[in-house]
Amino acid sequence: MSEESKRITQRPVPLSRIMVNEQTAKVYEDALETKKRGERIAWSTAIYVQEICETLGVPVLYPENHSAALAAKHYGEDLIQYAEGNMRYPMNICSYARINFAFADKLKDPNYEWPSPAMPLPDLLLLANNSCVQLTKWYQNLSDTLGVPAFFIDMLYNFTEEKASAYKVKYIRTQIEEAITALEAFIGRKFDWDKFSEIQKRSALNNKLFKEIIALNVHKPAPLNGFDLFNYMAPMVICRGKESTTDILLQLKKEVEENIKNNTSTYPVDQEHRVFWEGIACWPCMRHNLKTLRNLGINAVTNGYVTAWDINYEPTNLDGMAAAYNFASTNSKSTPTVARLRSDLIKKFGCKGMICHVNKSCKVMDFHVFGGRDLIQKYTGVPIVNFDGDQGDSRSYSEAQFETRIQGLAEIMKQNKEGNHA
């Protein structure tokens, strides 16, 4: 790649990103104002049935999303040290949990200066274990230490199924109905089933738009820097059932389509190689990730993590909703299923390599990496490299290792490209 093509032009922040920032700020501000009025707010796992509390009008904040934001802003280091030192949590549990435990403990101090975004303590917890079994103990711990109830929907792991079994659908649907009844009683508000239906429709629309935007990156050159998709996950996590998310996604889609029309991209240099990124973002080290990839002309055009918000069901169909939430996360599927899905995406997006984040905080996803690697290479033939890291703890990441692994991948992809041309 020439030095000219490596030169970065400072681009204006797109309107869609400004809208995301404004939406996120409003979510936290609304929760703080609600708390000040003495009304209840909730903390929730990332893939709980968010349509329930949206219907009940209860502000919901997401510790996983919040911990990721703190880690990206480098507040995580101090909170992790506090969790491991003062609170005596071991370093082998999820870094999001360690950040959240420390943050929750510090919130008890009225003089604590909250890092942004500020998140008040919850009055109730919403727990679903479809994305991580460790969430169960995380939220049980919060429930015990904060003295607040947890409303738990138990999802079932899918060992071989490509479609939810009837007994699983019935089991999860029953829990959704029970959660609605229990939350209705706890919050003291009548559940509005018509409003619930409208929120389901809004969630379905937003899900459709997000999938369409991701799919647009099949174009060459890709209209998006693939890491941009991580930044647009926030509306799908914390506001999937809101009209403001529809506005953001429509604006983003317009921007992406404009890039396609003009043969431009948010990726700032020539795209010599297209790759698939496997795993959660290494939030504290994303700047170094991006710089290394950019210097080698590598665009991670898509990734498996963003597809976790593909919760697709027919509005008003509780059976469909139960099945969709049960299969939503990578961590709820078997390794052969994940390997096939990843292979299909690699082929669809024209990826010539795969980068796997061996995330010290996410053992199940790591198992998919090691267990599925041979299957993916068999299905696609692309070279695959792993690097060590963590979604929130920068101590697990080595800049030298990342650079060496990515340089090696770039060399292999270049050789493959030249061989194909020959």
Protein backbone atom coordinates (compact mmCIF):
# COMPACT_ATOMS: atom_id res chain seq x y z
CA MET A 1 0.00 0.00 0.00
CA SER A 2 1.37 3.44 -0.90
CA GLU A 3 2.05 6.08 1.72
CA GLU A 4 -0.52 8.27 -0.03
CA SER A 5 -3.26 5.67 0.48
CA LYS A 6 -2.33 5.29 4.14
CA ARG A 7 -2.83 9.01 4.79
CA ILE A 8 -5.96 9.58 6.84
CA THR A 9 -8.36 12.39 6.12
CA GLN A 10 -10.25 13.66 9.14
CA ARG A 11 -13.89 12.98 8.36
CA PRO A 12 -16.85 14.78 9.89
CA VAL A 13 -18.87 12.75 12.36
CA PRO A 14 -21.89 11.41 10.43
CA LEU A 15 -25.33 12.53 11.53
CA SER A 16 -26.29 8.95 12.40
CA ARG A 17 -23.46 8.76 14.96
CA ILE A 18 -24.51 12.08 16.48
CA MET A 19 -28.04 10.70 16.76
CA VAL A 20 -26.73 7.56 18.51
CA ASN A 21 -24.84 9.69 21.04
CA GLU A 22 -27.89 11.86 21.67
CA GLN A 23 -30.14 8.83 22.08
CA THR A 24 -27.75 7.13 24.52
CA ALA A 25 -27.40 10.33 26.58
CA LYS A 26 -31.18 10.66 26.76
CA VAL A 27 -31.60 7.06 27.95
CA TYR A 28 -29.29 7.69 30.89
CA GLU A 29 -30.76 11.13 31.62
CA ASP A 30 -34.30 9.72 31.65
CA ALA A 31 -33.24 6.97 34.06
CA LEU A 32 -31.61 9.51 36.39
CA GLU A 33 -34.70 11.75 36.34
CA THR A 34 -36.98 8.77 36.98
CA LYS A 35 -34.84 7.74 39.94
CA LYS A 36 -34.93 11.27 41.36
CA ARG A 37 -38.73 11.18 41.23
CA GLY A 38 -38.66 8.05 43.37
CA GLU A 39 -39.85 5.79 40.57
CA ARG A 40 -38.32 2.44 39.66
CA ILE A 41 -35.64 1.74 37.09
CA ALA A 42 -34.21 -1.61 35.98
CA TRP A 43 -30.85 -3.08 35.05
CA SER A 44 -31.03 -5.77 32.41
CA THR A 45 -28.94 -8.37 30.64
CA ALA A 46 -28.37 -7.51 26.98
CA ILE A 47 -30.84 -9.97 25.41
CA TYR A 48 -33.73 -9.94 27.88
CA VAL A 49 -37.25 -9.59 26.47
CA GLN A 50 -36.94 -5.80 26.39
CA GLU A 51 -40.44 -5.34 24.96
CA ILE A 52 -41.93 -6.04 28.41
CA CYS A 53 -40.49 -3.08 30.33
CA GLU A 54 -40.79 -0.87 27.25
CA THR A 55 -44.53 -1.56 27.45
CA LEU A 56 -44.63 -0.89 31.20
CA GLY A 57 -42.72 2.38 30.76
CA VAL A 58 -39.86 1.37 33.06
CA PRO A 59 -36.45 2.86 32.14
CA VAL A 60 -33.95 0.06 31.58
CA LEU A 61 -30.14 0.32 31.65
CA TYR A 62 -27.74 -2.40 30.54
CA PRO A 63 -24.62 -3.14 32.64
CA GLU A 64 -22.90 -5.00 29.78
CA ASN A 65 -23.32 -2.00 27.48
CA HIS A 66 -22.33 0.35 30.30
CA SER A 67 -19.21 -1.64 31.18
CA ALA A 68 -18.17 -1.69 27.53
CA ALA A 69 -18.56 2.09 27.35
CA LEU A 70 -16.47 2.57 30.50
CA ALA A 71 -13.81 0.18 29.20
CA ALA A 72 -13.64 2.02 25.87
CA LYS A 73 -13.11 5.29 27.76
CA HIS A 74 -10.39 3.63 29.90
CA TYR A 75 -12.32 3.93 33.16
CA GLY A 76 -12.34 0.15 33.38
CA GLU A 77 -8.78 -0.29 34.66
CA ASP A 78 -9.44 1.46 37.99
CA LEU A 79 -12.78 -0.26 38.49
CA ILE A 80 -11.30 -3.69 37.75
CA GLN A 81 -8.50 -3.08 40.25
CA TYR A 82 -11.09 -2.05 42.85
CA ALA A 83 -13.17 -5.19 42.18
CA GLU A 84 -10.15 -7.49 42.46
CA GLY A 85 -8.53 -5.66 45.39
CA ASN A 86 -11.14 -4.11 47.65
CA MET A 87 -13.93 -6.54 46.75
CA ARG A 88 -11.74 -9.64 46.25
CA TYR A 89 -13.29 -10.86 42.99
CA PRO A 90 -11.01 -13.15 40.96
CA MET A 91 -9.68 -11.96 37.59
CA ASN A 92 -10.99 -15.05 35.80
CA ILE A 93 -14.61 -13.90 35.87
CA CYS A 94 -16.08 -11.62 33.21
CA SER A 95 -14.47 -8.17 33.07
CA TYR A 96 -17.89 -6.61 32.42
CA ALA A 97 -19.04 -8.13 35.72
CA ARG A 98 -15.96 -6.90 37.59
CA ILE A 99 -16.44 -3.37 36.24
CA ASN A 100 -20.13 -3.48 37.13
CA PHE A 101 -19.60 -4.88 40.65
CA ALA A 102 -17.06 -2.13 41.40
CA PHE A 103 -19.27 0.57 39.90
CA ALA A 104 -22.33 -0.61 41.86
CA ASP A 105 -20.34 -0.69 45.09
CA LYS A 106 -18.95 2.80 44.54
CA LEU A 107 -22.44 4.16 43.81
CA LYS A 108 -23.28 3.56 47.47
CA ASP A 109 -20.90 6.43 48.31
CA PRO A 110 -22.82 9.73 47.87
CA ASN A 111 -19.51 11.53 47.23
CA TYR A 112 -18.48 9.20 44.40
CA GLU A 113 -17.85 11.13 41.19
CA TRP A 114 -19.58 9.02 38.56
CA PRO A 115 -17.76 8.49 35.29
CA SER A 116 -19.82 9.16 32.19
CA PRO A 117 -22.24 7.67 31.34
CA ALA A 118 -23.74 7.86 34.80
CA MET A 119 -25.98 4.95 35.81
CA PRO A 120 -28.08 5.01 39.00
CA LEU A 121 -28.62 1.91 41.10
CA PRO A 122 -31.53 -0.32 40.04
CA ASP A 123 -34.78 -1.16 41.82
CA LEU A 124 -35.16 -4.44 39.90
CA LEU A 125 -33.08 -6.71 37.70
CA LEU A 126 -34.03 -8.41 34.43
CA LEU A 127 -32.09 -11.59 33.75
CA ALA A 128 -31.97 -13.93 30.75
CA ASN A 129 -29.14 -16.45 30.35
CA ASN A 130 -29.36 -16.85 26.57
CA SER A 131 -26.06 -15.04 25.96
CA CYS A 132 -24.00 -16.22 28.93
CA VAL A 133 -24.48 -18.65 31.80
CA GLN A 134 -22.27 -16.49 34.04
CA LEU A 135 -24.96 -13.81 33.92
CA THR A 136 -27.03 -15.92 36.29
CA LYS A 137 -24.45 -15.67 39.07
CA TRP A 138 -23.65 -12.04 38.19
CA TYR A 139 -27.27 -10.98 38.67
CA GLN A 140 -27.80 -13.22 41.68
CA ASN A 141 -24.86 -11.43 43.24
CA LEU A 142 -26.32 -8.02 42.39
CA SER A 143 -29.70 -9.06 43.77
CA ASP A 144 -28.12 -10.15 47.06
CA THR A 145 -25.77 -7.17 47.50
CA LEU A 146 -28.23 -4.49 46.36
CA GLY A 147 -31.32 -6.04 47.93
CA VAL A 148 -33.45 -5.88 44.77
CA PRO A 149 -35.47 -8.63 43.05
CA ALA A 150 -34.34 -10.34 39.85
CA PHE A 151 -36.92 -11.40 37.25
CA PHE A 152 -35.35 -14.42 35.56
CA ILE A 153 -36.22 -16.00 32.21
CA ASP A 154 -34.34 -19.26 31.84
CA MET A 155 -33.30 -19.93 28.25
CA LEU A 156 -32.18 -23.37 27.09
CA TYR A 157 -28.96 -24.23 25.27
CA ASN A 158 -29.40 -25.62 21.77
CA PHE A 159 -27.04 -28.58 21.38
CA THR A 160 -28.08 -29.72 17.91
CA GLU A 161 -31.30 -27.95 16.99
CA GLU A 162 -31.48 -25.48 14.14
CA LYS A 163 -35.00 -24.67 15.25
CA ALA A 164 -36.41 -24.48 18.77
CA SER A 165 -38.14 -27.64 19.94
CA ALA A 166 -41.80 -27.38 20.91
CA TYR A 167 -41.07 -28.05 24.59
CA LYS A 168 -38.49 -25.23 24.65
CA VAL A 169 -40.91 -22.79 23.07
CA LYS A 170 -43.60 -23.70 25.61
CA TYR A 171 -41.14 -23.48 28.54
CA ILE A 172 -39.86 -20.03 27.55
CA ARG A 173 -43.25 -18.63 26.50
CA THR A 174 -44.66 -19.62 29.90
CA GLN A 175 -41.83 -17.73 31.60
CA ILE A 176 -42.43 -14.64 29.44
CA GLU A 177 -46.09 -14.65 30.45
CA GLU A 178 -45.15 -15.15 34.11
CA ALA A 179 -42.61 -12.31 33.91
CA ILE A 180 -45.26 -9.98 32.51
CA THR A 181 -47.63 -10.83 35.37
CA ALA A 182 -44.91 -10.52 38.03
CA LEU A 183 -43.56 -7.22 36.67
CA GLU A 184 -47.08 -5.85 36.33
CA ALA A 185 -47.63 -6.51 40.02
CA PHE A 186 -44.20 -5.23 41.11
CA ILE A 187 -44.35 -2.01 39.08
CA GLY A 188 -48.01 -1.43 39.88
CA ARG A 189 -49.10 -0.75 36.31
CA LYS A 190 -51.54 -2.56 34.08
CA PHE A 191 -49.85 -4.27 31.15
CA ASP A 192 -51.12 -2.83 27.86
CA TRP A 193 -51.20 -5.65 25.32
CA ASP A 194 -52.01 -3.30 22.43
CA LYS A 195 -48.96 -1.20 23.27
CA PHE A 196 -46.94 -4.40 23.58
CA SER A 197 -47.98 -5.32 20.05
CA GLU A 198 -46.92 -1.93 18.71
CA ILE A 199 -43.53 -2.20 20.43
CA GLN A 200 -43.07 -5.67 18.96
CA LYS A 201 -43.74 -4.21 15.51
CA ARG A 202 -41.22 -1.44 16.15
CA SER A 203 -38.62 -3.96 17.33
CA ALA A 204 -39.23 -6.07 14.22
CA LEU A 205 -38.83 -3.03 11.96
CA ASN A 206 -35.59 -2.01 13.66
CA ASN A 207 -34.28 -5.56 13.43
CA LYS A 208 -35.07 -5.60 9.70
CA LEU A 209 -33.34 -2.26 9.11
CA PHE A 210 -30.23 -3.29 11.03
CA LYS A 211 -29.92 -6.51 9.03
CA GLU A 212 -30.33 -4.58 5.78
CA ILE A 213 -27.56 -2.17 6.78
CA ILE A 214 -25.17 -4.97 7.70
CA ALA A 215 -25.92 -6.67 4.37
CA LEU A 216 -24.97 -3.52 2.43
CA ASN A 217 -21.34 -4.08 3.39
CA VAL A 218 -21.15 -6.88 0.81
CA HIS A 219 -20.47 -4.16 -1.74
CA LYS A 220 -16.91 -3.56 -2.91
CA PRO A 221 -15.45 -1.37 -1.63
CA ALA A 222 -17.38 -1.88 1.58
CA PRO A 223 -19.27 1.36 2.36
CA LEU A 224 -18.57 0.95 6.08
CA ASN A 225 -15.52 0.39 8.15
CA GLY A 226 -16.63 -2.91 9.70
CA PHE A 227 -15.86 -1.67 13.22
CA ASP A 228 -18.56 0.97 12.73
CA LEU A 229 -21.08 -1.81 13.25
CA PHE A 230 -19.94 -2.10 16.88
CA ASN A 231 -20.84 1.57 17.40
CA TYR A 232 -24.35 1.10 16.04
CA MET A 233 -25.12 -1.87 18.28
CA ALA A 234 -26.05 0.46 21.16
CA PRO A 235 -29.50 1.39 19.78
CA MET A 236 -30.24 -2.29 19.17
CA VAL A 237 -29.21 -3.21 22.72
CA ILE A 238 -30.75 -0.40 24.75
CA CYS A 239 -33.52 0.98 22.49
CA ARG A 240 -34.57 -1.76 20.12
CA GLY A 241 -38.28 -1.01 20.60
CA LYS A 242 -38.07 2.78 20.20
CA GLU A 243 -38.96 5.02 17.27
CA SER A 244 -35.71 6.97 17.81
CA THR A 245 -33.81 3.82 16.81
CA THR A 246 -35.81 3.65 13.58
CA ASP A 247 -34.78 7.25 12.84
CA ILE A 248 -31.12 6.43 13.48
CA LEU A 249 -31.15 3.34 11.29
CA LEU A 250 -32.95 5.09 8.44
CA GLN A 251 -30.34 7.85 8.56
CA LEU A 252 -27.50 5.33 8.68
CA LYS A 253 -28.94 3.39 5.77
CA LYS A 254 -29.20 6.61 3.78
CA GLU A 255 -25.53 7.38 4.51
CA VAL A 256 -24.41 3.87 3.56
CA GLU A 257 -26.38 3.94 0.31
CA GLU A 258 -24.83 7.32 -0.49
CA ASN A 259 -21.38 5.79 0.01
CA ILE A 260 -22.28 2.96 -2.36
CA LYS A 261 -23.56 5.42 -4.94
CA ASN A 262 -20.37 7.51 -4.74
CA ASN A 263 -18.01 4.54 -4.39
CA THR A 264 -16.84 5.91 -1.03
CA SER A 265 -16.50 4.43 2.45
CA THR A 266 -16.06 5.27 6.12
CA TYR A 267 -12.99 3.01 5.90
CA PRO A 268 -10.34 5.69 5.35
CA VAL A 269 -7.77 3.92 3.11
CA ASP A 270 -7.68 1.44 0.23
CA GLN A 271 -9.37 -1.85 1.09
CA GLU A 272 -6.81 -4.42 0.03
CA HIS A 273 -8.22 -7.25 2.13
CA ARG A 274 -11.70 -8.10 3.42
CA VAL A 275 -11.84 -10.19 6.61
CA PHE A 276 -14.35 -11.54 9.11
CA TRP A 277 -13.91 -10.47 12.75
CA GLU A 278 -14.99 -13.11 15.25
CA GLY A 279 -15.86 -12.11 18.79
CA ILE A 280 -16.68 -9.08 20.89
CA ALA A 281 -14.72 -5.89 20.35
CA CYS A 282 -11.58 -5.47 22.43
CA TRP A 283 -12.99 -2.18 23.71
CA PRO A 284 -9.97 -0.75 25.61
CA CYS A 285 -7.68 -1.50 22.65
CA MET A 286 -9.88 -0.69 19.66
CA ARG A 287 -7.73 2.26 18.63
CA HIS A 288 -4.71 -0.02 18.28
CA ASN A 289 -6.81 -2.70 16.53
CA LEU A 290 -8.04 -0.17 13.99
CA LYS A 291 -4.63 1.39 13.42
CA THR A 292 -2.99 -1.99 12.82
CA LEU A 293 -5.70 -3.15 10.42
CA ARG A 294 -5.75 0.16 8.59
CA ASN A 295 -1.98 0.19 8.07
CA LEU A 296 -2.30 -3.15 6.29
CA GLY A 297 -5.38 -2.23 4.26
CA ILE A 298 -7.56 -4.75 6.11
CA ASN A 299 -11.26 -4.01 6.58
CA ALA A 300 -13.16 -6.34 8.92
CA VAL A 301 -16.30 -5.92 6.82
CA THR A 302 -18.58 -7.96 9.09
CA ASN A 303 -18.56 -9.90 12.34
CA GLY A 304 -20.61 -12.47 14.19
CA TYR A 305 -21.21 -10.43 17.33
CA VAL A 306 -23.53 -7.88 15.76
CA THR A 307 -25.85 -10.65 14.60
CA ALA A 308 -26.70 -11.38 18.25
CA TRP A 309 -29.40 -8.71 17.96
CA ASP A 310 -31.14 -10.53 15.13
CA ILE A 311 -34.23 -11.30 17.19
CA ASN A 312 -36.68 -12.04 14.41
CA TYR A 313 -40.28 -13.01 15.16
CA GLU A 314 -43.78 -12.21 13.96
CA PRO A 315 -45.31 -9.47 16.19
CA THR A 316 -48.09 -10.71 18.54
CA ASN A 317 -46.76 -14.29 18.25
CA LEU A 318 -45.47 -15.18 21.73
CA ASP A 319 -44.30 -18.59 20.55
CA GLY A 320 -42.22 -16.94 17.85
CA MET A 321 -40.85 -14.44 20.35
CA ALA A 322 -39.88 -17.26 22.74
CA ALA A 323 -38.07 -19.15 19.97
CA ALA A 324 -36.31 -16.01 18.70
CA TYR A 325 -34.94 -15.04 22.11
CA ASN A 326 -33.83 -18.62 22.77
CA PHE A 327 -31.69 -18.63 19.60
CA ALA A 328 -30.60 -14.99 19.65
CA SER A 329 -27.03 -15.31 20.89
CA THR A 330 -23.99 -17.13 19.51
CA ASN A 331 -23.56 -18.59 22.98
CA SER A 332 -26.92 -20.37 22.82
CA LYS A 333 -25.94 -22.40 19.74
CA SER A 334 -23.74 -25.44 19.16
CA THR A 335 -20.24 -25.05 17.71
CA PRO A 336 -21.11 -26.79 14.39
CA THR A 337 -24.07 -24.42 13.99
CA VAL A 338 -21.91 -21.37 14.72
CA ALA A 339 -19.20 -22.59 12.33
CA ARG A 340 -21.74 -22.98 9.54
CA LEU A 341 -23.24 -19.55 10.14
CA ARG A 342 -19.79 -17.93 10.18
CA SER A 343 -18.79 -19.78 7.02
CA ASP A 344 -21.92 -18.59 5.24
CA LEU A 345 -21.11 -14.97 6.18
CA ILE A 346 -17.48 -15.29 5.12
CA LYS A 347 -18.61 -16.47 1.68
CA LYS A 348 -21.41 -13.91 1.39
CA PHE A 349 -19.18 -10.95 2.25
CA GLY A 350 -16.23 -12.12 0.17
CA CYS A 351 -13.87 -12.35 3.15
CA LYS A 352 -10.40 -13.70 2.43
CA GLY A 353 -9.39 -14.21 6.05
CA MET A 354 -10.72 -14.42 9.59
CA ILE A 355 -9.52 -12.76 12.82
CA CYS A 356 -10.62 -14.38 16.08
CA HIS A 357 -10.57 -12.50 19.36
CA VAL A 358 -9.80 -15.06 22.08
CA ASN A 359 -11.66 -13.13 24.75
CA LYS A 360 -10.56 -14.03 28.29
CA SER A 361 -13.98 -12.94 29.55
CA CYS A 362 -16.06 -15.14 27.27
CA LYS A 363 -15.23 -18.81 27.59
CA VAL A 364 -18.12 -20.11 25.48
CA MET A 365 -17.25 -17.86 22.53
CA ASP A 366 -13.63 -18.97 22.86
CA PHE A 367 -14.74 -22.59 22.69
CA HIS A 368 -16.51 -21.79 19.42
CA VAL A 369 -13.24 -20.26 18.15
CA PHE A 370 -11.10 -23.27 18.94
CA GLY A 371 -13.77 -25.90 18.34
CA GLY A 372 -15.05 -24.38 15.11
CA ARG A 373 -11.83 -23.20 13.49
CA ASP A 374 -11.14 -26.43 11.60
CA LEU A 375 -14.75 -26.58 10.40
CA ILE A 376 -14.62 -23.01 9.10
CA GLN A 377 -11.34 -23.62 7.28
CA LYS A 378 -12.84 -26.77 5.77
CA TYR A 379 -15.95 -24.93 4.58
CA THR A 380 -14.24 -21.74 3.34
CA GLY A 381 -10.51 -22.35 2.91
CA VAL A 382 -9.66 -18.92 4.34
CA PRO A 383 -6.65 -18.40 6.66
CA ILE A 384 -7.55 -17.79 10.31
CA VAL A 385 -5.54 -16.12 13.08
CA ASN A 386 -6.26 -15.80 16.79
CA PHE A 387 -5.15 -13.09 19.19
CA ASP A 388 -5.49 -12.85 22.97
CA GLY A 389 -7.54 -10.05 24.46
CA ASP A 390 -10.49 -9.12 26.62
CA GLN A 391 -13.64 -7.09 26.15
CA GLY A 392 -12.90 -4.91 29.17
CA ASP A 393 -9.51 -5.78 30.72
CA SER A 394 -6.56 -4.38 28.77
CA ARG A 395 -4.05 -6.52 30.71
CA SER A 396 -4.91 -9.52 28.54
CA TYR A 397 -3.94 -7.74 25.32
CA SER A 398 -0.50 -7.53 23.71
CA GLU A 399 0.02 -4.95 20.99
CA ALA A 400 3.07 -6.84 19.71
CA GLN A 401 1.14 -10.12 19.45
CA PHE A 402 -1.76 -8.47 17.64
CA GLU A 403 0.52 -6.76 15.15
CA THR A 404 2.48 -9.95 14.47
CA ARG A 405 -0.63 -12.07 13.96
CA ILE A 406 -2.29 -9.54 11.65
CA GLN A 407 0.89 -9.03 9.63
CA GLY A 408 1.10 -12.79 9.15
CA LEU A 409 -2.52 -12.94 8.02
CA ALA A 410 -1.96 -10.07 5.57
CA GLU A 411 1.03 -11.87 4.05
CA ILE A 412 -0.96 -15.08 3.56
CA MET A 413 -3.90 -13.22 2.03
CA LYS A 414 -1.54 -11.37 -0.31
CA GLN A 415 0.06 -14.64 -1.42
CA ASN A 416 -3.37 -16.22 -1.95
CA LYS A 417 -4.48 -13.20 -3.96
CA GLU A 418 -1.40 -13.30 -6.18
CA GLY A 419 -1.75 -17.03 -6.62
CA ASN A 420 -5.37 -16.66 -7.67
CA HIS A 421 -4.41 -13.99 -10.21
CA ALA A 422 -1.68 -16.26 -11.59
